[in-house]
């Protein structure tokens, strides 16, 4: 009788603890939901900092990493909020797509699995901190810690196993494409700085002596792979030179126009032709540069121009040349810092609304016209007095004369134009 009473008592205590843990986890999940975007950014920052293979200079890939991380966090929170069994959870679509793109780019699967381990550990830190904030009893605290660890381990194990299968399947499909071999060889030339020009030429079958101009073509449209590939032929037709072209993934093409002299590339002609064809492809161009070092440098410039175009949010075909957006490309490497700098230079002019956009355009054209009211008025199709009024208004909003730190003002205004809302502020200073 006494033994039965003890067993019944222990069972009752366990049931009470389990119920309290379930209530506690549901409450924490509800509290965490509004902060998921912020937590996602922190998690992605950890991945890029700790796993160099994931720090890819491609805005589309970074957005996929963010989407994948966010989807996994949402799923984890839902598990705790609704008591969903882990064995009923499927791989989030964004996570699966990210793994496929990484497989196409030959990022080691070990790097992806490490991201899940790091992400799981970071989630545990957040979760257990939140548990402590609720001041549960020691019994509930212990039960909650054990349950969280069990769920987190089971989730990562289940998702990782499926993602490895997705990765392997995609690698097999990708390897079947003849262009994949060339892509690997070109990527080796880009990444291995110990290679000399002779070895690089042997790998790519392409002359490294002379001048090179790098280009990146891409599309966000679904099933646009063939259209992106056809950009190589468009480049050949408009330049008279057959480019070295490889697929970086199923929606991104890397190309180089090379020759003994600077490549003749008319960005306006390419831009017009893309629009005439109704293409969804966008194109970014580097600057001509010499030799193997130039082959790499012009490519990285093209990637920088691509990042500016993507951040700007262009949703139509067009060409972005690095020479036209160089300063914005450098600022785009650290958007939070760029946003702070722009706000410091422009003050209230950095506000994201239509009246400020009109003032920014007026000031920029005025400065680009050599501070000529007459030329600015012609460019804006306005009367000089209207331009003068807007300039005074801009100085009032900024709180300083436009002439103060003039070069910084022009650079900041150009960044606002080329990087859009990513460097603007939403509330008045």
Protein backbone atom coordinates (compact mmCIF):
# COMPACT_ATOMS: atom_id res chain seq x y z
CA UNK A 1 0.00 0.00 0.00
CA UNK A 2 2.76 2.40 1.04
CA UNK A 3 4.75 1.69 -2.17
CA UNK A 4 1.68 2.24 -4.34
CA UNK A 5 1.02 5.57 -2.62
CA UNK A 6 4.58 6.73 -3.32
CA UNK A 7 4.38 5.72 -7.01
CA UNK A 8 1.05 7.50 -7.38
CA UNK A 9 2.50 10.63 -5.79
CA UNK A 10 5.55 10.64 -8.08
CA UNK A 11 3.33 10.17 -11.13
CA UNK A 12 1.11 13.05 -10.04
CA UNK A 13 4.10 15.36 -9.55
CA UNK A 14 5.46 14.42 -13.01
CA UNK A 15 2.11 15.13 -14.66
CA UNK A 16 1.92 18.50 -12.92
CA UNK A 17 5.46 19.37 -14.06
CA UNK A 18 4.72 18.30 -17.65
CA UNK A 19 1.61 20.45 -17.71
CA UNK A 20 3.51 23.42 -16.29
CA UNK A 21 6.30 22.92 -18.85
CA UNK A 22 3.79 22.86 -21.72
CA UNK A 23 2.17 26.09 -20.49
CA UNK A 24 5.57 27.72 -19.99
CA UNK A 25 6.78 26.75 -23.47
CA UNK A 26 3.59 28.01 -25.12
CA UNK A 27 3.96 31.34 -23.30
CA UNK A 28 7.62 31.72 -24.34
CA UNK A 29 6.77 30.83 -27.94
CA UNK A 30 4.14 33.59 -28.03
CA UNK A 31 6.65 36.06 -26.58
CA UNK A 32 9.34 35.05 -29.08
CA UNK A 33 7.20 35.32 -32.24
CA UNK A 34 7.36 39.15 -32.57
CA UNK A 35 11.16 39.05 -32.26
CA UNK A 36 11.78 36.36 -34.90
CA UNK A 37 13.01 38.78 -37.58
CA UNK A 38 15.57 40.29 -35.18
CA UNK A 39 16.63 36.82 -33.97
CA UNK A 40 16.96 35.67 -37.57
CA UNK A 41 19.40 38.50 -38.34
CA UNK A 42 21.46 37.61 -35.28
CA UNK A 43 21.53 33.95 -36.29
CA UNK A 44 22.51 34.72 -39.88
CA UNK A 45 25.26 37.02 -38.61
CA UNK A 46 26.61 34.12 -36.54
CA UNK A 47 26.59 31.80 -39.56
CA UNK A 48 28.43 34.26 -41.82
CA UNK A 49 30.96 35.04 -39.08
CA UNK A 50 31.69 31.44 -38.10
CA UNK A 51 31.27 29.64 -41.45
CA UNK A 52 33.21 31.43 -44.24
CA UNK A 53 31.68 29.17 -46.91
CA UNK A 54 28.27 30.77 -46.24
CA UNK A 55 29.55 34.37 -46.62
CA UNK A 56 28.71 34.50 -50.34
CA UNK A 57 28.72 37.87 -52.15
CA UNK A 58 25.29 37.39 -53.68
CA UNK A 59 22.27 39.20 -52.32
CA UNK A 60 19.85 36.55 -53.61
CA UNK A 61 21.78 33.81 -51.79
CA UNK A 62 21.93 35.88 -48.61
CA UNK A 63 18.18 36.44 -48.78
CA UNK A 64 17.72 32.68 -49.12
CA UNK A 65 19.92 32.14 -46.06
CA UNK A 66 17.76 34.61 -44.14
CA UNK A 67 14.56 32.95 -45.38
CA UNK A 68 15.87 29.49 -44.49
CA UNK A 69 16.94 30.58 -40.99
CA UNK A 70 13.65 32.38 -40.39
CA UNK A 71 11.63 29.37 -41.57
CA UNK A 72 13.50 27.05 -39.21
CA UNK A 73 12.97 29.45 -36.29
CA UNK A 74 9.25 29.72 -37.07
CA UNK A 75 8.98 25.93 -37.20
CA UNK A 76 10.84 25.51 -33.90
CA UNK A 77 8.63 28.07 -32.17
CA UNK A 78 5.51 26.40 -33.58
CA UNK A 79 6.65 23.05 -32.19
CA UNK A 80 6.76 24.48 -28.67
CA UNK A 81 3.69 26.69 -29.07
CA UNK A 82 1.41 23.91 -30.26
CA UNK A 83 3.07 20.76 -28.98
CA UNK A 84 3.76 19.45 -32.50
CA UNK A 85 5.60 16.08 -32.50
CA UNK A 86 8.99 16.44 -34.16
CA UNK A 87 8.45 13.31 -36.27
CA UNK A 88 5.56 15.11 -38.00
CA UNK A 89 7.69 18.12 -38.99
CA UNK A 90 8.83 18.56 -42.61
CA UNK A 91 11.83 20.51 -43.91
CA UNK A 92 10.77 24.14 -44.51
CA UNK A 93 10.59 24.90 -48.25
CA UNK A 94 13.02 27.83 -47.95
CA UNK A 95 15.56 25.63 -46.15
CA UNK A 96 15.32 22.94 -48.82
CA UNK A 97 15.76 25.48 -51.63
CA UNK A 98 18.76 27.06 -49.89
CA UNK A 99 20.45 23.67 -49.61
CA UNK A 100 19.89 23.03 -53.32
CA UNK A 101 21.49 26.35 -54.25
CA UNK A 102 24.44 25.62 -51.95
CA UNK A 103 24.85 22.20 -53.53
CA UNK A 104 24.95 23.87 -56.95
CA UNK A 105 27.72 26.17 -55.71
CA UNK A 106 29.70 23.25 -54.27
CA UNK A 107 29.46 24.51 -50.68
CA UNK A 108 30.36 21.51 -48.47
CA UNK A 109 27.38 19.84 -46.82
CA UNK A 110 29.42 19.84 -43.60
CA UNK A 111 29.21 23.64 -43.58
CA UNK A 112 25.42 23.47 -43.80
CA UNK A 113 25.21 20.88 -41.01
CA UNK A 114 27.49 23.02 -38.86
CA UNK A 115 25.09 25.92 -39.37
CA UNK A 116 22.29 23.80 -37.93
CA UNK A 117 24.40 22.85 -34.93
CA UNK A 118 25.36 26.48 -34.29
CA UNK A 119 21.78 27.59 -34.83
CA UNK A 120 20.48 24.97 -32.43
CA UNK A 121 22.93 26.02 -29.74
CA UNK A 122 22.00 29.69 -30.18
CA UNK A 123 18.29 28.88 -30.03
CA UNK A 124 18.87 26.96 -26.79
CA UNK A 125 20.57 30.01 -25.27
CA UNK A 126 17.63 32.26 -26.19
CA UNK A 127 15.06 29.74 -25.03
CA UNK A 128 16.62 28.90 -21.67
CA UNK A 129 17.18 32.60 -20.96
CA UNK A 130 13.48 33.15 -21.60
CA UNK A 131 12.62 30.21 -19.33
CA UNK A 132 14.66 31.77 -16.54
CA UNK A 133 12.79 35.06 -16.94
CA UNK A 134 9.59 33.29 -15.90
CA UNK A 135 11.14 32.15 -12.58
CA UNK A 136 9.76 28.59 -12.68
CA UNK A 137 10.12 26.20 -9.75
CA UNK A 138 13.31 24.12 -9.75
CA UNK A 139 11.31 21.04 -10.78
CA UNK A 140 9.70 22.83 -13.75
CA UNK A 141 13.02 24.49 -14.71
CA UNK A 142 14.76 21.10 -14.85
CA UNK A 143 11.91 19.50 -16.77
CA UNK A 144 11.77 22.41 -19.23
CA UNK A 145 15.54 22.31 -19.85
CA UNK A 146 15.45 18.56 -20.50
CA UNK A 147 12.44 18.84 -22.81
CA UNK A 148 13.90 21.75 -24.79
CA UNK A 149 17.21 19.94 -25.28
CA UNK A 150 15.37 16.77 -26.35
CA UNK A 151 13.20 18.59 -28.88
CA UNK A 152 16.09 20.67 -30.25
CA UNK A 153 18.28 17.58 -30.74
CA UNK A 154 15.46 15.62 -32.37
CA UNK A 155 14.58 18.50 -34.71
CA UNK A 156 18.15 19.06 -35.91
CA UNK A 157 18.67 15.32 -36.36
CA UNK A 158 15.46 14.94 -38.41
CA UNK A 159 16.03 18.05 -40.58
CA UNK A 160 19.73 17.36 -41.11
CA UNK A 161 19.08 13.82 -42.34
CA UNK A 162 16.55 15.05 -44.91
CA UNK A 163 18.71 17.98 -46.00
CA UNK A 164 21.67 15.67 -46.66
CA UNK A 165 19.43 13.65 -48.98
CA UNK A 166 18.31 16.84 -50.76
CA UNK A 167 21.92 18.01 -51.04
CA UNK A 168 23.14 14.68 -52.46
CA UNK A 169 20.31 14.50 -55.01
CA UNK A 170 21.00 18.05 -56.18
CA UNK A 171 24.74 17.41 -56.46
CA UNK A 172 24.07 14.38 -58.69
CA UNK A 173 21.76 16.38 -60.94
CA UNK A 174 24.15 19.32 -61.09
CA UNK A 175 27.14 17.12 -61.84
CA UNK A 176 25.34 15.76 -64.90
CA UNK A 177 25.51 19.13 -66.60
CA UNK A 178 28.55 19.60 -68.80
CA UNK A 179 28.89 23.22 -67.72
CA UNK A 180 29.34 22.17 -64.11
CA UNK A 181 32.92 21.07 -64.73
CA UNK A 182 33.78 24.41 -66.26
CA UNK A 183 32.11 26.20 -63.34
CA UNK A 184 34.23 24.29 -60.83
CA UNK A 185 37.40 25.10 -62.78
CA UNK A 186 36.57 28.81 -63.03
CA UNK A 187 35.65 28.93 -59.35
CA UNK A 188 39.04 27.37 -58.55
CA UNK A 189 40.78 30.10 -60.55
CA UNK A 190 38.80 32.76 -58.69
CA UNK A 191 39.44 31.37 -55.22
CA UNK A 192 42.96 29.93 -55.38
CA UNK A 193 45.23 32.97 -55.45
CA UNK A 194 48.32 30.70 -55.54
CA UNK A 195 47.48 29.66 -59.11
CA UNK A 196 49.60 31.28 -61.82
CA UNK A 197 48.28 32.46 -65.17
CA UNK A 198 49.50 29.36 -67.03
CA UNK A 199 47.65 26.99 -64.70
CA UNK A 200 44.55 29.19 -64.82
CA UNK A 201 44.60 29.06 -68.61
CA UNK A 202 44.94 25.26 -68.53
CA UNK A 203 41.95 24.96 -66.20
CA UNK A 204 39.65 27.31 -68.09
CA UNK A 205 40.93 26.98 -71.65
CA UNK A 206 40.91 30.78 -71.71
CA UNK A 207 43.74 33.28 -72.14
CA UNK A 208 44.53 35.12 -68.91
CA UNK A 209 46.94 37.61 -70.48
CA UNK A 210 45.26 40.74 -71.78
CA UNK A 211 42.27 42.67 -70.50
CA UNK A 212 39.13 41.20 -68.96
CA UNK A 213 35.70 42.58 -68.17
CA UNK A 214 33.57 40.53 -65.79
CA UNK A 215 29.79 40.26 -66.02
CA UNK A 216 27.09 38.65 -63.89
CA UNK A 217 23.67 37.83 -65.34
CA UNK A 218 20.83 36.67 -63.12
CA UNK A 219 17.08 36.46 -62.80
CA UNK A 220 14.71 36.12 -59.86
CA UNK A 221 12.00 34.68 -62.12
CA UNK A 222 11.21 30.96 -61.73
CA UNK A 223 12.35 28.60 -64.49
CA UNK A 224 14.60 31.28 -65.97
CA UNK A 225 17.71 29.11 -66.31
CA UNK A 226 17.72 28.95 -70.11
CA UNK A 227 17.05 32.67 -70.37
CA UNK A 228 20.02 33.40 -68.10
CA UNK A 229 22.25 31.06 -70.12
CA UNK A 230 21.26 32.80 -73.35
CA UNK A 231 22.75 36.04 -72.01
CA UNK A 232 26.18 34.72 -73.04
CA UNK A 233 25.04 34.74 -76.66
CA UNK A 234 23.58 38.23 -76.26
CA UNK A 235 26.97 39.46 -74.97
CA UNK A 236 28.68 37.79 -77.93
CA UNK A 237 26.30 39.43 -80.41
CA UNK A 238 26.63 42.93 -78.96
CA UNK A 239 30.41 42.88 -78.35
CA UNK A 240 31.59 40.72 -81.25
CA UNK A 241 33.51 38.55 -78.77
CA UNK A 242 32.61 35.10 -77.46
CA UNK A 243 32.74 35.31 -73.66
CA UNK A 244 33.93 32.73 -71.21
CA UNK A 245 30.63 31.87 -69.51
CA UNK A 246 29.76 29.49 -66.67
CA UNK A 247 26.67 28.91 -64.57
CA UNK A 248 27.26 29.77 -60.92
CA UNK A 249 23.87 28.18 -60.16
CA UNK A 250 20.64 27.55 -62.05
CA UNK A 251 19.74 31.27 -62.15
CA UNK A 252 23.13 33.01 -62.24
CA UNK A 253 25.69 33.25 -65.05
CA UNK A 254 29.26 34.50 -64.70
CA UNK A 255 30.95 35.74 -67.87
CA UNK A 256 34.15 37.45 -69.03
CA UNK A 257 34.83 39.37 -72.23
CA UNK A 258 38.57 39.26 -72.85
CA UNK A 259 41.07 40.45 -75.42
CA UNK A 260 44.44 42.12 -75.96
CA UNK A 261 42.87 45.54 -75.36
CA UNK A 262 40.06 46.86 -73.18
CA UNK A 263 36.81 45.12 -74.07
CA UNK A 264 34.35 47.28 -75.97
CA UNK A 265 31.12 46.85 -74.02
CA UNK A 266 28.29 49.31 -74.51
CA UNK A 267 26.12 48.97 -71.42
CA UNK A 268 23.37 51.07 -73.02
CA UNK A 269 23.13 48.71 -76.01
CA UNK A 270 22.95 45.67 -73.73
CA UNK A 271 20.34 47.37 -71.60
CA UNK A 272 18.20 48.26 -74.64
CA UNK A 273 18.44 44.74 -76.04
CA UNK A 274 17.40 43.11 -72.76
CA UNK A 275 14.36 45.34 -72.54
CA UNK A 276 13.50 44.80 -76.24
CA UNK A 277 13.46 41.06 -75.70
CA UNK A 278 11.19 41.37 -72.66
CA UNK A 279 13.82 39.42 -70.72
CA UNK A 280 13.68 38.97 -66.95
CA UNK A 281 17.49 38.90 -66.84
CA UNK A 282 19.53 41.61 -65.16
CA UNK A 283 23.18 42.18 -65.92
CA UNK A 284 26.01 43.64 -63.82
CA UNK A 285 29.36 44.67 -65.30
CA UNK A 286 32.79 45.09 -63.74
CA UNK A 287 35.49 47.39 -65.10
CA UNK A 288 38.22 46.31 -67.56
CA UNK A 289 41.29 45.00 -65.76
CA UNK A 290 44.52 43.31 -66.86
CA UNK A 291 45.81 39.76 -66.35
CA UNK A 292 44.79 37.05 -63.91
CA UNK A 293 44.46 39.59 -61.10
CA UNK A 294 42.21 41.65 -63.36
CA UNK A 295 40.16 38.56 -64.25
CA UNK A 296 39.33 38.16 -60.56
CA UNK A 297 39.01 41.87 -59.75
CA UNK A 298 36.55 42.64 -62.54
CA UNK A 299 34.43 39.67 -61.49
CA UNK A 300 34.27 40.92 -57.90
CA UNK A 301 33.30 44.35 -59.17
CA UNK A 302 30.48 42.79 -61.17
CA UNK A 303 29.31 41.02 -58.00
CA UNK A 304 29.36 44.38 -56.21
CA UNK A 305 27.26 45.96 -58.95
CA UNK A 306 24.87 43.01 -58.76
CA UNK A 307 24.48 43.55 -55.02
CA UNK A 308 23.62 47.23 -55.53
CA UNK A 309 21.05 46.35 -58.19
CA UNK A 310 19.47 43.68 -55.99
CA UNK A 311 19.37 45.88 -52.89
CA UNK A 312 17.85 48.69 -54.93
CA UNK A 313 15.00 46.28 -55.70
CA UNK A 314 15.01 46.45 -59.48
CA UNK A 315 12.22 44.23 -60.79
CA UNK A 316 12.87 44.74 -64.48
CA UNK A 317 15.75 43.87 -66.84
CA UNK A 318 18.63 46.27 -67.11
CA UNK A 319 22.38 46.72 -66.84
CA UNK A 320 24.29 48.04 -63.82
CA UNK A 321 27.94 48.98 -64.34
CA UNK A 322 30.28 48.99 -61.35
CA UNK A 323 31.81 52.26 -62.54
CA UNK A 324 28.42 53.93 -62.04
CA UNK A 325 27.75 52.50 -58.57
CA UNK A 326 31.24 51.95 -57.13
CA UNK A 327 30.76 54.05 -53.99
CA UNK A 328 27.36 52.49 -53.32
CA UNK A 329 28.88 49.03 -53.79
CA UNK A 330 31.40 49.76 -51.04
CA UNK A 331 28.68 51.16 -48.75
CA UNK A 332 26.50 48.11 -49.45
CA UNK A 333 29.04 45.85 -47.75
CA UNK A 334 27.74 47.10 -44.38
CA UNK A 335 24.22 48.46 -44.80
CA UNK A 336 23.57 49.28 -41.10
CA UNK A 337 26.78 51.36 -41.00
CA UNK A 338 25.90 52.95 -44.36
CA UNK A 339 22.44 53.88 -43.06
CA UNK A 340 23.94 55.55 -39.99
CA UNK A 341 26.46 57.45 -42.12
CA UNK A 342 23.83 58.66 -44.59
CA UNK A 343 21.61 59.87 -41.74
CA UNK A 344 24.57 61.67 -40.17
CA UNK A 345 25.38 63.47 -43.42
CA UNK A 346 21.86 64.27 -44.62
CA UNK A 347 19.93 64.62 -41.39
CA UNK A 348 16.19 64.82 -42.09
CA UNK A 349 16.80 64.55 -45.84
CA UNK A 350 17.41 60.83 -45.27
CA UNK A 351 13.75 60.31 -44.33
CA UNK A 352 11.98 57.73 -46.49
CA UNK A 353 9.05 59.69 -47.93
CA UNK A 354 8.11 61.40 -51.19
CA UNK A 355 8.73 65.04 -50.18
CA UNK A 356 12.27 64.20 -49.03
CA UNK A 357 12.87 62.13 -52.19
CA UNK A 358 11.99 65.21 -54.26
CA UNK A 359 14.36 67.40 -52.24
CA UNK A 360 17.16 64.80 -52.47
CA UNK A 361 16.81 64.65 -56.26
CA UNK A 362 16.90 68.44 -56.54
CA UNK A 363 20.03 68.77 -54.38
CA UNK A 364 21.82 65.93 -56.18
CA UNK A 365 21.18 67.35 -59.64
CA UNK A 366 22.21 70.80 -58.38
CA UNK A 367 25.53 69.48 -57.09
CA UNK A 368 26.12 67.36 -60.20
CA UNK A 369 25.52 70.51 -62.27
CA UNK A 370 28.43 72.20 -60.53
CA UNK A 371 26.09 74.12 -58.19
CA UNK A 372 24.56 75.91 -61.16
CA UNK A 373 20.95 76.95 -60.60
CA UNK A 374 20.46 77.38 -64.33
CA UNK A 375 21.70 73.91 -65.28
CA UNK A 376 19.83 72.27 -62.40
CA UNK A 377 16.60 74.03 -63.45
CA UNK A 378 17.03 72.72 -67.01
CA UNK A 379 17.69 69.18 -65.80
CA UNK A 380 14.65 69.28 -63.50
CA UNK A 381 12.41 71.13 -66.00
CA UNK A 382 11.71 73.75 -63.33
CA UNK A 383 12.05 77.49 -62.89
CA UNK A 384 15.22 78.67 -61.18
CA UNK A 385 13.20 80.17 -58.33
CA UNK A 386 11.58 76.78 -57.68
CA UNK A 387 15.00 75.15 -57.53
CA UNK A 388 16.23 77.90 -55.20
CA UNK A 389 13.22 77.37 -52.91
CA UNK A 390 13.80 73.61 -52.77
CA UNK A 391 17.48 74.10 -51.94
CA UNK A 392 16.59 76.38 -49.03
CA UNK A 393 14.01 73.87 -47.85
CA UNK A 394 16.61 71.09 -48.05
CA UNK A 395 19.06 73.12 -45.96
CA UNK A 396 16.34 73.75 -43.36
CA UNK A 397 15.57 70.03 -43.18
CA UNK A 398 19.24 69.07 -43.06
CA UNK A 399 19.99 71.74 -40.47
CA UNK A 400 23.18 72.79 -42.28
CA UNK A 401 24.13 74.40 -45.59
CA UNK A 402 24.37 72.04 -48.56
CA UNK A 403 27.91 73.32 -49.13
CA UNK A 404 29.04 71.95 -45.75
CA UNK A 405 30.74 68.56 -46.38
CA UNK A 406 29.65 68.89 -50.00
CA UNK A 407 31.40 65.75 -51.27
CA UNK A 408 29.86 63.67 -48.49
CA UNK A 409 26.44 65.14 -49.27
CA UNK A 410 26.71 64.21 -52.95
CA UNK A 411 27.93 60.70 -52.10
CA UNK A 412 25.14 60.16 -49.56
CA UNK A 413 22.50 61.41 -52.02
CA UNK A 414 23.83 59.08 -54.70
CA UNK A 415 23.69 56.19 -52.20
CA UNK A 416 20.04 57.03 -51.48
CA UNK A 417 19.31 56.94 -55.20
CA UNK A 418 21.19 53.71 -55.88
CA UNK A 419 20.49 51.73 -52.69
CA UNK A 420 16.96 52.96 -52.04
CA UNK A 421 15.18 52.32 -48.77
CA UNK A 422 18.02 50.18 -47.39
CA UNK A 423 19.94 53.35 -46.44
CA UNK A 424 16.97 55.59 -45.62
CA UNK A 425 15.34 56.13 -42.23
CA UNK A 426 11.66 55.59 -41.52
CA UNK A 427 11.16 58.10 -38.72
CA UNK A 428 12.30 61.69 -38.40
CA UNK A 429 15.54 62.29 -36.50
